[in-house]
Amino acid sequence: MLTLYTSGYNYSKRRCERIVNWFIIKHFPRHKLEVVVNHRGMLRDGVYGWVGVIGCNWRPRAFEIELHNQMTPEHYTTVLLHELWHVYQHVMDALKDKHGKRHWRGIDHSQTDYENQPWEQQAFQMEEVLFEEYLDYLTSL
């Protein structure tokens, strides 16, 4: 079951809901998750999106995704799927935040450069796979 909240401006609420619902049904059909997606200008942050755990890091089930609100539909879809993959990594206990440090499969990577972070490398690989799967889903409707 999914509880989804979206907010912000200059984005397609329908697109956001469709992507998140598809992902959650595909990867978490039995989990109870809460996902908050906020859309805002993120140029000053130098990113297109990020995700964080809301509340407890032990068995997290609530997440906040922030997305840049000035992307093409294709780029938006790719970035949202990338961030949703990070949700997957957290729920599956591969990615954890402990005492201000980021752990991947039990190993502290808090000092690892962004481009070498294993969870980011995996998410970049998966965003292409997920994008193709999502397009296939859309054409089957």
C-alpha atoms as a PDB file:
ATOM      1  CA  MET A   1       0.000   0.000   0.000  1.00  0.00           C
ATOM      2  CA  LEU A   2       1.274   3.430  -0.899  1.00  0.00           C
ATOM      3  CA  THR A   3       0.522   6.781   0.628  1.00  0.00           C
ATOM      4  CA  LEU A   4       1.712   9.444  -1.810  1.00  0.00           C
ATOM      5  CA  TYR A   5       1.826  13.180  -1.283  1.00  0.00           C
ATOM      6  CA  THR A   6       2.970  15.597  -3.971  1.00  0.00           C
ATOM      7  CA  SER A   7       3.545  19.307  -3.750  1.00  0.00           C
ATOM      8  CA  GLY A   8       5.245  22.178  -5.490  1.00  0.00           C
ATOM      9  CA  TYR A   9       4.730  23.985  -8.739  1.00  0.00           C
ATOM     10  CA  ASN A  10       5.424  23.637 -12.442  1.00  0.00           C
ATOM     11  CA  TYR A  11       5.155  19.844 -12.640  1.00  0.00           C
ATOM     12  CA  SER A  12       2.614  17.251 -13.807  1.00  0.00           C
ATOM     13  CA  LYS A  13       0.928  15.748 -10.759  1.00  0.00           C
ATOM     14  CA  ARG A  14      -0.539  12.993 -12.947  1.00  0.00           C
ATOM     15  CA  ARG A  15       2.883  12.057 -14.351  1.00  0.00           C
ATOM     16  CA  CYS A  16       4.410  11.982 -10.877  1.00  0.00           C
ATOM     17  CA  GLU A  17       1.635   9.822  -9.442  1.00  0.00           C
ATOM     18  CA  ARG A  18       1.680   7.423 -12.388  1.00  0.00           C
ATOM     19  CA  ILE A  19       5.442   6.854 -12.151  1.00  0.00           C
ATOM     20  CA  VAL A  20       5.505   6.407  -8.372  1.00  0.00           C
ATOM     21  CA  ASN A  21       2.488   4.095  -8.362  1.00  0.00           C
ATOM     22  CA  TRP A  22       3.955   1.948 -11.154  1.00  0.00           C
ATOM     23  CA  PHE A  23       7.290   1.649  -9.321  1.00  0.00           C
ATOM     24  CA  ILE A  24       5.761   0.811  -5.948  1.00  0.00           C
ATOM     25  CA  ILE A  25       3.351  -1.777  -7.370  1.00  0.00           C
ATOM     26  CA  LYS A  26       6.199  -3.390  -9.318  1.00  0.00           C
ATOM     27  CA  HIS A  27       8.796  -3.483  -6.518  1.00  0.00           C
ATOM     28  CA  PHE A  28       6.836  -3.303  -3.242  1.00  0.00           C
ATOM     29  CA  PRO A  29       3.424  -4.901  -3.688  1.00  0.00           C
ATOM     30  CA  ARG A  30       3.240  -5.913   0.005  1.00  0.00           C
ATOM     31  CA  HIS A  31       4.960  -2.995   1.720  1.00  0.00           C
ATOM     32  CA  LYS A  32       3.260  -0.065   3.375  1.00  0.00           C
ATOM     33  CA  LEU A  33       5.211   2.967   2.219  1.00  0.00           C
ATOM     34  CA  GLU A  34       4.782   6.693   2.426  1.00  0.00           C
ATOM     35  CA  VAL A  35       6.390   8.808  -0.277  1.00  0.00           C
ATOM     36  CA  VAL A  36       6.376  12.592  -0.322  1.00  0.00           C
ATOM     37  CA  VAL A  37       7.464  14.201  -3.601  1.00  0.00           C
ATOM     38  CA  ASN A  38       8.239  17.915  -3.473  1.00  0.00           C
ATOM     39  CA  HIS A  39       8.890  19.881  -6.652  1.00  0.00           C
ATOM     40  CA  ARG A  40      10.889  23.089  -6.505  1.00  0.00           C
ATOM     41  CA  GLY A  41      13.644  25.007  -8.233  1.00  0.00           C
ATOM     42  CA  MET A  42      16.915  23.281  -7.384  1.00  0.00           C
ATOM     43  CA  LEU A  43      19.413  25.116  -9.587  1.00  0.00           C
ATOM     44  CA  ARG A  44      21.173  26.578  -6.564  1.00  0.00           C
ATOM     45  CA  ASP A  45      21.568  23.082  -5.133  1.00  0.00           C
ATOM     46  CA  GLY A  46      23.236  21.876  -8.337  1.00  0.00           C
ATOM     47  CA  VAL A  47      21.130  18.691  -8.505  1.00  0.00           C
ATOM     48  CA  TYR A  48      17.966  17.456 -10.186  1.00  0.00           C
ATOM     49  CA  GLY A  49      16.766  15.442  -7.237  1.00  0.00           C
ATOM     50  CA  TRP A  50      17.472  13.652  -4.005  1.00  0.00           C
ATOM     51  CA  VAL A  51      15.762  11.408  -1.504  1.00  0.00           C
ATOM     52  CA  GLY A  52      15.829  11.198   2.257  1.00  0.00           C
ATOM     53  CA  VAL A  53      14.373   8.954   4.900  1.00  0.00           C
ATOM     54  CA  ILE A  54      11.659  10.465   7.057  1.00  0.00           C
ATOM     55  CA  GLY A  55      11.898   9.414  10.684  1.00  0.00           C
ATOM     56  CA  CYS A  56      13.566   6.169  11.649  1.00  0.00           C
ATOM     57  CA  ASN A  57      16.443   4.672   9.648  1.00  0.00           C
ATOM     58  CA  TRP A  58      15.717   1.207  10.986  1.00  0.00           C
ATOM     59  CA  ARG A  59      13.413  -0.450   8.433  1.00  0.00           C
ATOM     60  CA  PRO A  60      12.509   2.900   6.823  1.00  0.00           C
ATOM     61  CA  ARG A  61       9.071   3.138   5.265  1.00  0.00           C
ATOM     62  CA  ALA A  62       8.656   6.892   4.797  1.00  0.00           C
ATOM     63  CA  PHE A  63      10.635   8.910   2.268  1.00  0.00           C
ATOM     64  CA  GLU A  64      10.836  12.428   0.914  1.00  0.00           C
ATOM     65  CA  ILE A  65      11.930  12.999  -2.664  1.00  0.00           C
ATOM     66  CA  GLU A  66      12.738  16.486  -3.874  1.00  0.00           C
ATOM     67  CA  LEU A  67      12.839  17.106  -7.615  1.00  0.00           C
ATOM     68  CA  HIS A  68      13.796  20.039  -9.765  1.00  0.00           C
ATOM     69  CA  ASN A  69      10.659  21.417 -11.366  1.00  0.00           C
ATOM     70  CA  GLN A  70      12.196  22.520 -14.691  1.00  0.00           C
ATOM     71  CA  MET A  71      12.898  19.257 -16.536  1.00  0.00           C
ATOM     72  CA  THR A  72      11.615  17.752 -19.742  1.00  0.00           C
ATOM     73  CA  PRO A  73       9.130  14.893 -19.231  1.00  0.00           C
ATOM     74  CA  GLU A  74      11.779  12.320 -20.206  1.00  0.00           C
ATOM     75  CA  HIS A  75      14.421  13.752 -17.891  1.00  0.00           C
ATOM     76  CA  TYR A  76      11.857  14.097 -15.095  1.00  0.00           C
ATOM     77  CA  THR A  77      10.891  10.438 -15.461  1.00  0.00           C
ATOM     78  CA  THR A  78      14.515   9.310 -15.413  1.00  0.00           C
ATOM     79  CA  VAL A  79      15.390  11.371 -12.338  1.00  0.00           C
ATOM     80  CA  LEU A  80      12.292  10.264 -10.433  1.00  0.00           C
ATOM     81  CA  LEU A  81      13.038   6.608 -11.226  1.00  0.00           C
ATOM     82  CA  HIS A  82      16.632   7.131 -10.081  1.00  0.00           C
ATOM     83  CA  GLU A  83      15.420   8.515  -6.745  1.00  0.00           C
ATOM     84  CA  LEU A  84      12.840   5.757  -6.404  1.00  0.00           C
ATOM     85  CA  TRP A  85      15.650   3.235  -6.828  1.00  0.00           C
ATOM     86  CA  HIS A  86      17.303   4.823  -3.790  1.00  0.00           C
ATOM     87  CA  VAL A  87      14.030   4.204  -1.935  1.00  0.00           C
ATOM     88  CA  TYR A  88      14.335   0.565  -3.031  1.00  0.00           C
ATOM     89  CA  GLN A  89      17.927   0.426  -1.740  1.00  0.00           C
ATOM     90  CA  HIS A  90      16.826   1.773   1.655  1.00  0.00           C
ATOM     91  CA  VAL A  91      13.846  -0.548   1.992  1.00  0.00           C
ATOM     92  CA  MET A  92      15.969  -3.557   1.043  1.00  0.00           C
ATOM     93  CA  ASP A  93      18.552  -2.527   3.703  1.00  0.00           C
ATOM     94  CA  ALA A  94      21.406  -2.131   1.222  1.00  0.00           C
ATOM     95  CA  LEU A  95      21.682   1.615   1.873  1.00  0.00           C
ATOM     96  CA  LYS A  96      21.577   2.932   5.439  1.00  0.00           C
ATOM     97  CA  ASP A  97      22.345   6.113   7.277  1.00  0.00           C
ATOM     98  CA  LYS A  98      23.839   5.408  10.709  1.00  0.00           C
ATOM     99  CA  HIS A  99      25.099   8.043  13.101  1.00  0.00           C
ATOM    100  CA  GLY A 100      25.627  10.581  10.315  1.00  0.00           C
ATOM    101  CA  LYS A 101      27.447   8.099   8.092  1.00  0.00           C
ATOM    102  CA  ARG A 102      26.290   6.446   4.892  1.00  0.00           C
ATOM    103  CA  HIS A 103      26.628   2.654   4.748  1.00  0.00           C
ATOM    104  CA  TRP A 104      26.311   0.424   1.698  1.00  0.00           C
ATOM    105  CA  ARG A 105      25.799  -3.246   2.538  1.00  0.00           C
ATOM    106  CA  GLY A 106      27.351  -2.767   5.954  1.00  0.00           C
ATOM    107  CA  ILE A 107      30.425  -0.821   4.807  1.00  0.00           C
ATOM    108  CA  ASP A 108      30.941   2.840   5.718  1.00  0.00           C
ATOM    109  CA  HIS A 109      31.172   4.925   2.540  1.00  0.00           C
ATOM    110  CA  SER A 110      30.728   8.340   4.112  1.00  0.00           C
ATOM    111  CA  GLN A 111      34.096   9.456   2.704  1.00  0.00           C
ATOM    112  CA  THR A 112      33.560   7.983  -0.780  1.00  0.00           C
ATOM    113  CA  ASP A 113      33.409  10.495  -3.648  1.00  0.00           C
ATOM    114  CA  TYR A 114      29.991  10.839  -5.282  1.00  0.00           C
ATOM    115  CA  GLU A 115      30.975   9.221  -8.586  1.00  0.00           C
ATOM    116  CA  ASN A 116      32.389   6.200  -6.718  1.00  0.00           C
ATOM    117  CA  GLN A 117      29.464   5.638  -4.359  1.00  0.00           C
ATOM    118  CA  PRO A 118      28.165   2.134  -5.117  1.00  0.00           C
ATOM    119  CA  TRP A 119      24.495   3.059  -4.529  1.00  0.00           C
ATOM    120  CA  GLU A 120      24.787   5.891  -7.058  1.00  0.00           C
ATOM    121  CA  GLN A 121      26.496   3.669  -9.610  1.00  0.00           C
ATOM    122  CA  GLN A 122      23.719   1.114  -9.224  1.00  0.00           C
ATOM    123  CA  ALA A 123      20.989   3.775  -9.434  1.00  0.00           C
ATOM    124  CA  PHE A 124      22.475   5.218 -12.636  1.00  0.00           C
ATOM    125  CA  GLN A 125      22.485   1.736 -14.180  1.00  0.00           C
ATOM    126  CA  MET A 126      18.950   1.008 -13.020  1.00  0.00           C
ATOM    127  CA  GLU A 127      17.443   4.306 -14.158  1.00  0.00           C
ATOM    128  CA  GLU A 128      17.938   3.242 -17.795  1.00  0.00           C
ATOM    129  CA  VAL A 129      16.454  -0.219 -17.182  1.00  0.00           C
ATOM    130  CA  LEU A 130      13.522   1.237 -15.247  1.00  0.00           C
ATOM    131  CA  PHE A 131      12.899   3.900 -17.893  1.00  0.00           C
ATOM    132  CA  GLU A 132      12.607   1.240 -20.598  1.00  0.00           C
ATOM    133  CA  GLU A 133      10.337  -0.898 -18.408  1.00  0.00           C
ATOM    134  CA  TYR A 134       8.167   2.132 -17.673  1.00  0.00           C
ATOM    135  CA  LEU A 135       7.890   2.989 -21.384  1.00  0.00           C
ATOM    136  CA  ASP A 136       6.855  -0.607 -22.086  1.00  0.00           C
ATOM    137  CA  TYR A 137       4.222  -0.293 -19.382  1.00  0.00           C
ATOM    138  CA  LEU A 138       2.868   2.931 -20.898  1.00  0.00           C
ATOM    139  CA  THR A 139       2.588   1.414 -24.359  1.00  0.00           C
ATOM    140  CA  SER A 140       0.693  -1.582 -22.945  1.00  0.00           C
ATOM    141  CA  LEU A 141      -2.061   0.601 -21.458  1.00  0.00           C
END
